[in-house]
Amino acid sequence: GETLRMLIDKIRDDLKIAMKAKDSARVDVLRFLLSEVKNVGINEKRELDDGVVTQVLQKLSKQRKDGAEQFKAAGRNDLVEKEMLELVILESYLPRQMSDADLEAQVRAMAAEVGAASKKDMGKVMKVAIERLKGAADGKRIQAAVMKVLP
């Protein structure tokens, strides 16, 4: 089987492949991603592990989604396409997103675990959920699930 490699190594290898293939969109996105990861590592004095890479991927993905929405509102479809292309490249390195049904089931279990009885206990559930579901669902989706689960 394949030995577990660090996400950053895969991204570096993919960057080399994209450079050889003259895939400029992918080269630009991966170069930017790697420089952002390096900056986080330096600024936060952290080792460049998968956690840092995933954190940066999520941040950049969110920026691309927001950017695409803003360009769409401005009628700049050319820029919407660029943002969406970059988003697809970035998201290919993120863990699979959990389905809504799975997310809800997990949140329901966590709510029971922390003894959450109503929306007043939302913070308790959110804290546990965000910690455990990092990468599998974003904060907005987790919050929606918690709202749905708590009476």
N, C-alpha and C. Protein backbone atom coordinates (compact mmCIF):
# COMPACT_ATOMS: atom_id res chain seq x y z
N GLY A 1 0.83 -1.21 0.00
CA GLY A 1 0.00 0.00 0.00
C GLY A 1 0.85 1.24 0.00
N GLU A 2 0.19 2.36 -0.22
CA GLU A 2 0.89 3.64 -0.28
C GLU A 2 1.23 4.08 1.13
N THR A 3 2.46 4.50 1.32
CA THR A 3 2.81 4.99 2.66
C THR A 3 2.13 6.34 2.84
N LEU A 4 1.74 6.62 4.05
CA LEU A 4 1.09 7.89 4.33
C LEU A 4 2.10 9.01 4.15
N ARG A 5 1.78 9.92 3.26
CA ARG A 5 2.68 11.05 3.06
C ARG A 5 2.02 12.30 3.60
N MET A 6 2.86 13.24 3.89
CA MET A 6 2.35 14.53 4.32
C MET A 6 1.66 15.20 3.13
N LEU A 7 0.60 15.89 3.45
CA LEU A 7 -0.15 16.62 2.44
C LEU A 7 0.74 17.62 1.71
N ILE A 8 1.64 18.26 2.46
CA ILE A 8 2.50 19.27 1.85
C ILE A 8 3.42 18.66 0.79
N ASP A 9 3.86 17.41 1.01
CA ASP A 9 4.71 16.74 0.02
C ASP A 9 3.94 16.46 -1.26
N LYS A 10 2.69 16.05 -1.09
CA LYS A 10 1.83 15.79 -2.26
C LYS A 10 1.64 17.08 -3.05
N ILE A 11 1.40 18.17 -2.34
CA ILE A 11 1.19 19.46 -3.02
C ILE A 11 2.46 19.88 -3.75
N ARG A 12 3.62 19.70 -3.11
CA ARG A 12 4.89 20.06 -3.77
C ARG A 12 5.10 19.21 -5.03
N ASP A 13 4.80 17.91 -4.94
CA ASP A 13 4.94 17.02 -6.11
C ASP A 13 3.98 17.45 -7.21
N ASP A 14 2.74 17.76 -6.82
CA ASP A 14 1.75 18.18 -7.81
C ASP A 14 2.16 19.48 -8.48
N LEU A 15 2.82 20.36 -7.72
CA LEU A 15 3.31 21.62 -8.28
C LEU A 15 4.35 21.33 -9.37
N LYS A 16 5.28 20.40 -9.10
CA LYS A 16 6.31 20.05 -10.10
C LYS A 16 5.65 19.51 -11.37
N ILE A 17 4.65 18.65 -11.19
CA ILE A 17 3.94 18.06 -12.33
C ILE A 17 3.23 19.16 -13.13
N ALA A 18 2.58 20.08 -12.42
CA ALA A 18 1.86 21.18 -13.08
C ALA A 18 2.82 22.09 -13.84
N MET A 19 4.03 22.29 -13.29
CA MET A 19 5.02 23.12 -13.97
C MET A 19 5.48 22.47 -15.26
N LYS A 20 5.72 21.15 -15.19
CA LYS A 20 6.12 20.42 -16.40
C LYS A 20 5.02 20.48 -17.45
N ALA A 21 3.76 20.38 -16.98
CA ALA A 21 2.62 20.37 -17.90
C ALA A 21 2.23 21.78 -18.35
N LYS A 22 2.94 22.78 -17.82
CA LYS A 22 2.63 24.18 -18.11
C LYS A 22 1.15 24.51 -17.81
N ASP A 23 0.66 23.95 -16.70
CA ASP A 23 -0.70 24.20 -16.25
C ASP A 23 -0.63 25.42 -15.32
N SER A 24 -0.67 26.61 -15.94
CA SER A 24 -0.38 27.83 -15.18
C SER A 24 -1.38 28.09 -14.06
N ALA A 25 -2.65 27.76 -14.27
CA ALA A 25 -3.65 27.99 -13.21
C ALA A 25 -3.29 27.19 -11.97
N ARG A 26 -2.98 25.91 -12.17
CA ARG A 26 -2.65 25.03 -11.05
C ARG A 26 -1.32 25.47 -10.40
N VAL A 27 -0.35 25.83 -11.23
CA VAL A 27 0.94 26.29 -10.71
C VAL A 27 0.74 27.49 -9.80
N ASP A 28 -0.05 28.47 -10.26
CA ASP A 28 -0.28 29.69 -9.47
C ASP A 28 -0.95 29.37 -8.15
N VAL A 29 -2.00 28.55 -8.19
CA VAL A 29 -2.75 28.22 -6.98
C VAL A 29 -1.86 27.47 -5.99
N LEU A 30 -1.12 26.48 -6.47
CA LEU A 30 -0.30 25.68 -5.56
C LEU A 30 0.88 26.48 -5.00
N ARG A 31 1.47 27.34 -5.83
CA ARG A 31 2.55 28.21 -5.34
C ARG A 31 2.03 29.11 -4.22
N PHE A 32 0.87 29.71 -4.46
CA PHE A 32 0.27 30.61 -3.47
C PHE A 32 -0.05 29.83 -2.20
N LEU A 33 -0.62 28.66 -2.37
CA LEU A 33 -0.97 27.81 -1.23
C LEU A 33 0.28 27.50 -0.40
N LEU A 34 1.34 27.08 -1.04
CA LEU A 34 2.57 26.73 -0.32
C LEU A 34 3.17 27.94 0.40
N SER A 35 3.10 29.12 -0.23
CA SER A 35 3.66 30.30 0.43
C SER A 35 2.80 30.68 1.64
N GLU A 36 1.48 30.53 1.52
CA GLU A 36 0.59 30.82 2.65
C GLU A 36 0.86 29.85 3.81
N VAL A 37 1.06 28.58 3.47
CA VAL A 37 1.33 27.57 4.49
C VAL A 37 2.64 27.92 5.21
N LYS A 38 3.65 28.30 4.42
CA LYS A 38 4.95 28.66 5.00
C LYS A 38 4.78 29.86 5.94
N ASN A 39 4.00 30.85 5.52
CA ASN A 39 3.77 32.05 6.34
C ASN A 39 3.10 31.69 7.67
N VAL A 40 2.09 30.83 7.62
CA VAL A 40 1.41 30.42 8.85
C VAL A 40 2.41 29.71 9.76
N GLY A 41 3.22 28.84 9.18
CA GLY A 41 4.23 28.13 9.95
C GLY A 41 5.19 29.08 10.65
N ILE A 42 5.63 30.10 9.91
CA ILE A 42 6.58 31.07 10.47
C ILE A 42 5.89 31.95 11.51
N ASN A 43 4.75 32.53 11.14
CA ASN A 43 4.06 33.47 12.03
C ASN A 43 3.56 32.82 13.31
N GLU A 44 3.08 31.58 13.19
CA GLU A 44 2.53 30.92 14.36
C GLU A 44 3.53 29.93 14.98
N LYS A 45 4.77 29.94 14.43
CA LYS A 45 5.83 29.03 14.91
C LYS A 45 5.32 27.59 15.02
N ARG A 46 4.71 27.14 13.93
CA ARG A 46 4.18 25.78 13.92
C ARG A 46 4.89 24.95 12.88
N GLU A 47 4.91 23.65 13.13
CA GLU A 47 5.48 22.73 12.16
C GLU A 47 4.47 22.61 11.02
N LEU A 48 4.98 22.44 9.80
CA LEU A 48 4.08 22.39 8.65
C LEU A 48 3.46 21.00 8.51
N ASP A 49 2.54 20.70 9.42
CA ASP A 49 1.87 19.41 9.36
C ASP A 49 0.55 19.54 8.59
N ASP A 50 -0.16 18.42 8.47
CA ASP A 50 -1.41 18.43 7.71
C ASP A 50 -2.44 19.39 8.30
N GLY A 51 -2.37 19.58 9.62
CA GLY A 51 -3.31 20.50 10.27
C GLY A 51 -3.16 21.92 9.77
N VAL A 52 -1.91 22.37 9.65
CA VAL A 52 -1.64 23.72 9.15
C VAL A 52 -2.10 23.82 7.69
N VAL A 53 -1.75 22.81 6.90
CA VAL A 53 -2.09 22.81 5.48
C VAL A 53 -3.61 22.86 5.31
N THR A 54 -4.32 22.04 6.09
CA THR A 54 -5.79 21.98 5.99
C THR A 54 -6.39 23.32 6.40
N GLN A 55 -5.85 23.92 7.46
CA GLN A 55 -6.34 25.22 7.92
C GLN A 55 -6.21 26.27 6.80
N VAL A 56 -5.05 26.29 6.15
CA VAL A 56 -4.82 27.25 5.07
C VAL A 56 -5.73 26.94 3.88
N LEU A 57 -5.88 25.66 3.56
CA LEU A 57 -6.76 25.26 2.46
C LEU A 57 -8.18 25.75 2.71
N GLN A 58 -8.66 25.58 3.94
CA GLN A 58 -10.02 26.01 4.25
C GLN A 58 -10.17 27.52 4.13
N LYS A 59 -9.15 28.24 4.61
CA LYS A 59 -9.20 29.71 4.54
C LYS A 59 -9.22 30.17 3.08
N LEU A 60 -8.32 29.60 2.27
CA LEU A 60 -8.23 30.00 0.86
C LEU A 60 -9.49 29.59 0.10
N SER A 61 -10.04 28.42 0.44
CA SER A 61 -11.26 27.97 -0.24
C SER A 61 -12.41 28.93 0.06
N LYS A 62 -12.50 29.34 1.31
CA LYS A 62 -13.55 30.28 1.71
C LYS A 62 -13.37 31.60 0.95
N GLN A 63 -12.13 32.05 0.84
CA GLN A 63 -11.86 33.30 0.10
C GLN A 63 -12.31 33.17 -1.35
N ARG A 64 -12.06 32.00 -1.96
CA ARG A 64 -12.46 31.79 -3.35
C ARG A 64 -13.99 31.80 -3.49
N LYS A 65 -14.68 31.15 -2.54
CA LYS A 65 -16.15 31.14 -2.58
C LYS A 65 -16.70 32.55 -2.44
N ASP A 66 -16.15 33.29 -1.47
CA ASP A 66 -16.62 34.67 -1.25
C ASP A 66 -16.32 35.53 -2.47
N GLY A 67 -15.13 35.36 -3.03
CA GLY A 67 -14.74 36.11 -4.21
C GLY A 67 -15.66 35.83 -5.38
N ALA A 68 -15.97 34.56 -5.58
CA ALA A 68 -16.85 34.17 -6.68
C ALA A 68 -18.23 34.82 -6.52
N GLU A 69 -18.74 34.83 -5.29
CA GLU A 69 -20.05 35.46 -5.04
C GLU A 69 -20.02 36.95 -5.34
N GLN A 70 -18.93 37.61 -4.92
CA GLN A 70 -18.81 39.05 -5.17
C GLN A 70 -18.71 39.35 -6.66
N PHE A 71 -17.92 38.54 -7.38
CA PHE A 71 -17.76 38.77 -8.82
C PHE A 71 -19.06 38.48 -9.56
N LYS A 72 -19.79 37.49 -9.06
CA LYS A 72 -21.07 37.13 -9.67
C LYS A 72 -22.03 38.31 -9.55
N ALA A 73 -22.06 38.89 -8.34
CA ALA A 73 -22.92 40.05 -8.10
C ALA A 73 -22.54 41.22 -9.00
N ALA A 74 -21.25 41.31 -9.31
CA ALA A 74 -20.75 42.41 -10.14
C ALA A 74 -20.85 42.07 -11.64
N GLY A 75 -21.33 40.86 -11.94
CA GLY A 75 -21.48 40.46 -13.34
C GLY A 75 -20.16 40.14 -14.03
N ARG A 76 -19.13 39.82 -13.24
CA ARG A 76 -17.82 39.49 -13.82
C ARG A 76 -17.65 37.98 -13.92
N ASN A 77 -18.33 37.36 -14.88
CA ASN A 77 -18.32 35.90 -14.99
C ASN A 77 -16.94 35.32 -15.28
N ASP A 78 -16.10 36.11 -15.97
CA ASP A 78 -14.73 35.66 -16.24
C ASP A 78 -13.99 35.42 -14.93
N LEU A 79 -14.17 36.34 -13.98
CA LEU A 79 -13.49 36.21 -12.69
C LEU A 79 -14.16 35.14 -11.81
N VAL A 80 -15.47 34.97 -11.97
CA VAL A 80 -16.17 33.91 -11.23
C VAL A 80 -15.55 32.57 -11.62
N GLU A 81 -15.36 32.36 -12.93
CA GLU A 81 -14.79 31.09 -13.42
C GLU A 81 -13.39 30.87 -12.86
N LYS A 82 -12.58 31.92 -12.81
CA LYS A 82 -11.21 31.80 -12.29
C LYS A 82 -11.26 31.38 -10.81
N GLU A 83 -12.13 32.03 -10.03
CA GLU A 83 -12.24 31.70 -8.60
C GLU A 83 -12.70 30.25 -8.42
N MET A 84 -13.68 29.84 -9.23
CA MET A 84 -14.22 28.48 -9.11
C MET A 84 -13.19 27.44 -9.49
N LEU A 85 -12.39 27.73 -10.51
CA LEU A 85 -11.32 26.81 -10.93
C LEU A 85 -10.32 26.65 -9.78
N GLU A 86 -9.94 27.78 -9.17
CA GLU A 86 -9.00 27.73 -8.06
C GLU A 86 -9.60 26.97 -6.88
N LEU A 87 -10.90 27.17 -6.66
CA LEU A 87 -11.59 26.49 -5.57
C LEU A 87 -11.54 24.97 -5.76
N VAL A 88 -11.78 24.53 -6.97
CA VAL A 88 -11.76 23.09 -7.27
C VAL A 88 -10.37 22.52 -6.98
N ILE A 89 -9.34 23.25 -7.39
CA ILE A 89 -7.96 22.79 -7.15
C ILE A 89 -7.70 22.71 -5.65
N LEU A 90 -8.06 23.76 -4.91
CA LEU A 90 -7.83 23.78 -3.46
C LEU A 90 -8.61 22.67 -2.75
N GLU A 91 -9.88 22.53 -3.13
CA GLU A 91 -10.73 21.56 -2.43
C GLU A 91 -10.30 20.12 -2.69
N SER A 92 -9.56 19.90 -3.77
CA SER A 92 -9.11 18.54 -4.05
C SER A 92 -8.14 18.04 -2.97
N TYR A 93 -7.58 18.95 -2.19
CA TYR A 93 -6.65 18.56 -1.12
C TYR A 93 -7.33 18.50 0.26
N LEU A 94 -8.58 18.92 0.32
CA LEU A 94 -9.29 18.90 1.61
C LEU A 94 -9.92 17.54 1.84
N PRO A 95 -10.10 17.18 3.11
CA PRO A 95 -10.80 15.91 3.39
C PRO A 95 -12.22 15.98 2.82
N ARG A 96 -12.77 14.82 2.50
CA ARG A 96 -14.13 14.77 1.97
C ARG A 96 -15.08 15.46 2.95
N GLN A 97 -16.00 16.23 2.38
CA GLN A 97 -17.00 16.89 3.22
C GLN A 97 -18.06 15.88 3.63
N MET A 98 -18.45 15.98 4.87
CA MET A 98 -19.45 15.07 5.43
C MET A 98 -20.83 15.43 4.88
N SER A 99 -21.67 14.45 4.65
CA SER A 99 -23.02 14.73 4.17
C SER A 99 -23.84 15.39 5.28
N ASP A 100 -24.91 16.07 4.91
CA ASP A 100 -25.77 16.74 5.90
C ASP A 100 -26.34 15.75 6.90
N ALA A 101 -26.75 14.58 6.40
CA ALA A 101 -27.34 13.58 7.28
C ALA A 101 -26.32 13.09 8.31
N ASP A 102 -25.10 12.80 7.85
CA ASP A 102 -24.04 12.35 8.77
C ASP A 102 -23.72 13.45 9.78
N LEU A 103 -23.64 14.66 9.26
CA LEU A 103 -23.31 15.80 10.12
C LEU A 103 -24.35 15.94 11.22
N GLU A 104 -25.61 15.87 10.83
CA GLU A 104 -26.69 16.00 11.80
C GLU A 104 -26.65 14.89 12.85
N ALA A 105 -26.39 13.67 12.40
CA ALA A 105 -26.33 12.53 13.32
C ALA A 105 -25.18 12.72 14.32
N GLN A 106 -24.03 13.15 13.83
CA GLN A 106 -22.87 13.38 14.69
C GLN A 106 -23.16 14.47 15.71
N VAL A 107 -23.75 15.57 15.23
CA VAL A 107 -24.06 16.70 16.11
C VAL A 107 -25.08 16.27 17.17
N ARG A 108 -26.06 15.48 16.76
CA ARG A 108 -27.08 15.00 17.70
C ARG A 108 -26.40 14.19 18.82
N ALA A 109 -25.47 13.31 18.43
CA ALA A 109 -24.73 12.49 19.40
C ALA A 109 -23.91 13.37 20.35
N MET A 110 -23.26 14.39 19.80
CA MET A 110 -22.44 15.29 20.62
C MET A 110 -23.31 16.10 21.58
N ALA A 111 -24.48 16.52 21.10
CA ALA A 111 -25.41 17.28 21.93
C ALA A 111 -25.81 16.44 23.14
N ALA A 112 -26.10 15.16 22.90
CA ALA A 112 -26.48 14.25 23.99
C ALA A 112 -25.30 14.09 24.95
N GLU A 113 -24.12 13.95 24.37
CA GLU A 113 -22.91 13.73 25.16
C GLU A 113 -22.63 14.88 26.13
N VAL A 114 -22.81 16.13 25.65
CA VAL A 114 -22.53 17.28 26.52
C VAL A 114 -23.77 17.71 27.33
N GLY A 115 -24.87 16.96 27.15
CA GLY A 115 -26.09 17.24 27.91
C GLY A 115 -26.77 18.53 27.49
N ALA A 116 -26.71 18.84 26.19
CA ALA A 116 -27.37 20.05 25.69
C ALA A 116 -28.87 19.81 25.58
N ALA A 117 -29.65 20.70 26.19
CA ALA A 117 -31.10 20.51 26.24
C ALA A 117 -31.84 21.48 25.32
N SER A 118 -31.23 22.63 25.06
CA SER A 118 -31.92 23.63 24.23
C SER A 118 -30.89 24.50 23.52
N LYS A 119 -31.39 25.46 22.75
CA LYS A 119 -30.50 26.36 22.00
C LYS A 119 -29.59 27.15 22.94
N LYS A 120 -29.96 27.26 24.21
CA LYS A 120 -29.09 27.96 25.18
C LYS A 120 -27.75 27.24 25.31
N ASP A 121 -27.75 25.92 25.04
CA ASP A 121 -26.52 25.12 25.16
C ASP A 121 -25.74 25.04 23.85
N MET A 122 -26.13 25.87 22.91
CA MET A 122 -25.52 25.82 21.59
C MET A 122 -23.99 25.92 21.65
N GLY A 123 -23.48 26.84 22.47
CA GLY A 123 -22.03 27.05 22.56
C GLY A 123 -21.28 25.79 22.95
N LYS A 124 -21.85 25.04 23.91
CA LYS A 124 -21.21 23.79 24.36
C LYS A 124 -21.07 22.81 23.21
N VAL A 125 -22.16 22.67 22.45
CA VAL A 125 -22.17 21.71 21.33
C VAL A 125 -21.24 22.19 20.23
N MET A 126 -21.29 23.48 19.91
CA MET A 126 -20.45 24.04 18.84
C MET A 126 -18.96 23.79 19.13
N LYS A 127 -18.57 24.02 20.39
CA LYS A 127 -17.16 23.87 20.77
C LYS A 127 -16.67 22.45 20.46
N VAL A 128 -17.45 21.46 20.90
CA VAL A 128 -17.07 20.06 20.68
C VAL A 128 -17.12 19.73 19.19
N ALA A 129 -18.20 20.15 18.53
CA ALA A 129 -18.41 19.81 17.11
C ALA A 129 -17.30 20.39 16.23
N ILE A 130 -16.98 21.65 16.45
CA ILE A 130 -15.95 22.28 15.61
C ILE A 130 -14.61 21.58 15.79
N GLU A 131 -14.30 21.22 17.02
CA GLU A 131 -13.04 20.54 17.29
C GLU A 131 -12.99 19.17 16.59
N ARG A 132 -14.08 18.42 16.69
CA ARG A 132 -14.08 17.05 16.16
C ARG A 132 -14.30 16.95 14.66
N LEU A 133 -15.00 17.91 14.11
CA LEU A 133 -15.39 17.81 12.70
C LEU A 133 -14.52 18.67 11.80
N LYS A 134 -13.43 19.17 12.35
CA LYS A 134 -12.53 20.03 11.58
C LYS A 134 -12.19 19.38 10.24
N GLY A 135 -12.42 20.11 9.18
CA GLY A 135 -12.10 19.58 7.85
C GLY A 135 -13.24 18.85 7.20
N ALA A 136 -14.14 18.24 7.99
CA ALA A 136 -15.23 17.46 7.41
C ALA A 136 -16.47 18.31 7.17
N ALA A 137 -16.56 19.44 7.86
CA ALA A 137 -17.67 20.37 7.66
C ALA A 137 -17.23 21.74 8.15
N ASP A 138 -17.66 22.80 7.48
CA ASP A 138 -17.25 24.13 7.93
C ASP A 138 -18.17 24.63 9.04
N GLY A 139 -17.75 25.71 9.67
CA GLY A 139 -18.47 26.25 10.82
C GLY A 139 -19.92 26.58 10.53
N LYS A 140 -20.17 27.10 9.33
CA LYS A 140 -21.53 27.48 8.96
C LYS A 140 -22.44 26.25 8.93
N ARG A 141 -21.95 25.16 8.34
CA ARG A 141 -22.74 23.92 8.26
C ARG A 141 -22.93 23.32 9.64
N ILE A 142 -21.88 23.36 10.46
CA ILE A 142 -21.98 22.79 11.82
C ILE A 142 -23.03 23.58 12.60
N GLN A 143 -22.98 24.90 12.49
CA GLN A 143 -23.93 25.74 13.21
C GLN A 143 -25.36 25.43 12.78
N ALA A 144 -25.57 25.27 11.47
CA ALA A 144 -26.91 24.97 10.96
C ALA A 144 -27.40 23.64 11.54
N ALA A 145 -26.51 22.66 11.60
CA ALA A 145 -26.87 21.34 12.15
C ALA A 145 -27.22 21.45 13.61
N VAL A 146 -26.44 22.22 14.38
CA VAL A 146 -26.70 22.38 15.81
C VAL A 146 -28.06 23.06 16.02
N MET A 147 -28.35 24.08 15.22
CA MET A 147 -29.63 24.79 15.33
C MET A 147 -30.80 23.83 15.07
N LYS A 148 -30.58 22.94 14.10
CA LYS A 148 -31.62 22.01 13.70
C LYS A 148 -31.87 20.95 14.80
N VAL A 149 -30.79 20.52 15.43
CA VAL A 149 -30.85 19.44 16.41
C VAL A 149 -31.39 19.91 17.76
N LEU A 150 -30.98 21.11 18.18
CA LEU A 150 -31.41 21.59 19.49
C LEU A 150 -32.81 22.19 19.43
N PRO A 151 -33.65 21.86 20.41
CA PRO A 151 -35.03 22.39 20.40
C PRO A 151 -35.06 23.90 20.71
